[in-house]
Protein backbone atom coordinates (compact mmCIF):
# COMPACT_ATOMS: atom_id res chain seq x y z
CA MET A 1 52.23 78.65 -21.47
CA PHE A 2 54.35 76.44 -19.24
CA ALA A 3 51.59 74.16 -17.88
CA PRO A 4 50.34 72.77 -21.19
CA LEU A 5 54.16 72.28 -22.15
CA ALA A 6 54.73 70.62 -19.03
CA ILE A 7 51.46 68.51 -19.10
CA GLY A 8 52.07 67.38 -22.59
CA LEU A 9 55.92 66.31 -22.01
CA SER A 10 55.04 64.35 -18.87
CA ILE A 11 52.29 62.39 -20.80
CA ALA A 12 54.37 61.99 -23.60
CA PHE A 13 57.15 60.74 -21.40
CA MET A 14 54.71 58.02 -19.66
CA ALA A 15 53.61 57.12 -22.85
CA ILE A 16 56.75 56.41 -24.07
CA CYS A 17 57.74 54.51 -20.93
CA VAL A 18 54.47 52.23 -21.42
CA ASN A 19 55.56 51.67 -25.06
CA LEU A 20 59.15 50.40 -23.88
CA SER A 21 57.80 48.23 -21.10
CA SER A 22 54.72 46.71 -22.64
CA ASN A 23 54.77 43.36 -24.64
CA GLU A 24 51.33 43.92 -26.17
CA GLU A 25 51.22 45.05 -29.98
CA ILE A 26 48.28 47.21 -29.61
CA ILE A 27 49.40 48.92 -26.24
CA LYS A 28 52.64 49.75 -27.86
CA VAL A 29 50.94 51.26 -31.03
CA THR A 30 48.56 53.37 -28.94
CA ALA A 31 51.27 54.47 -26.55
CA ALA A 32 53.41 55.59 -29.55
CA ILE A 33 50.60 57.58 -30.84
CA ALA A 34 49.65 59.11 -27.57
CA ALA A 35 53.44 59.79 -27.35
CA LEU A 36 53.68 61.58 -30.79
CA ILE A 37 50.31 63.50 -30.22
CA CYS A 38 51.48 64.75 -26.80
CA LEU A 39 54.88 65.69 -28.10
CA LEU A 40 53.37 67.64 -31.27
CA ALA A 41 51.09 69.28 -28.94
CA SER A 42 53.82 70.51 -26.38
CA LEU A 43 55.73 71.95 -29.34
CA TRP A 44 52.59 73.84 -30.37
CA PHE A 45 52.26 75.19 -26.85
CA ALA A 46 55.87 75.91 -26.25
CA PRO A 47 57.27 79.66 -26.36
CA LEU A 48 59.47 80.47 -29.41
CA LEU A 49 62.55 80.70 -27.00
CA ILE A 50 62.04 77.06 -26.46
CA LYS A 51 61.09 75.94 -29.92
CA ILE A 52 64.21 77.47 -31.82
CA PRO A 53 66.76 75.49 -29.75
CA LEU A 54 64.87 72.31 -29.98
CA VAL A 55 64.37 72.48 -33.62
CA ALA A 56 67.93 73.60 -34.21
CA ILE A 57 69.24 70.69 -32.22
CA VAL A 58 67.61 68.10 -34.22
CA PHE A 59 68.55 69.54 -37.50
CA MET A 60 72.00 69.73 -36.41
CA SER A 61 72.13 66.09 -34.87
CA ASN A 62 73.64 63.27 -37.15
CA LYS A 63 70.75 61.07 -36.79
CA PHE A 64 68.57 63.50 -38.63
CA ASP A 65 70.22 63.76 -41.87
CA LEU A 66 67.85 65.10 -44.58
CA LEU A 67 70.44 64.50 -47.43
CA LYS A 68 70.65 61.00 -46.47
CA PHE A 69 67.03 60.70 -46.37
CA PHE A 70 66.14 61.99 -49.87
CA THR A 71 69.06 60.62 -51.89
CA THR A 72 68.50 57.05 -50.36
CA HIS A 73 64.71 56.37 -51.59
């Protein structure tokens, strides 16, 4: 289970680096889509002991506020 997780995270990290360093729009979009797919796949293959803290950190951070998201629209 660790090998697919590590592969997915490394591909996602490389895609994010390409996205940030590129000036071409189509390369940025393709790299962002690849990074998103790899991050979601790595979460799929991650063991439950890794998933729970990751999801808890995202929900507890101030940048991901569901109440603001649903009330501002």
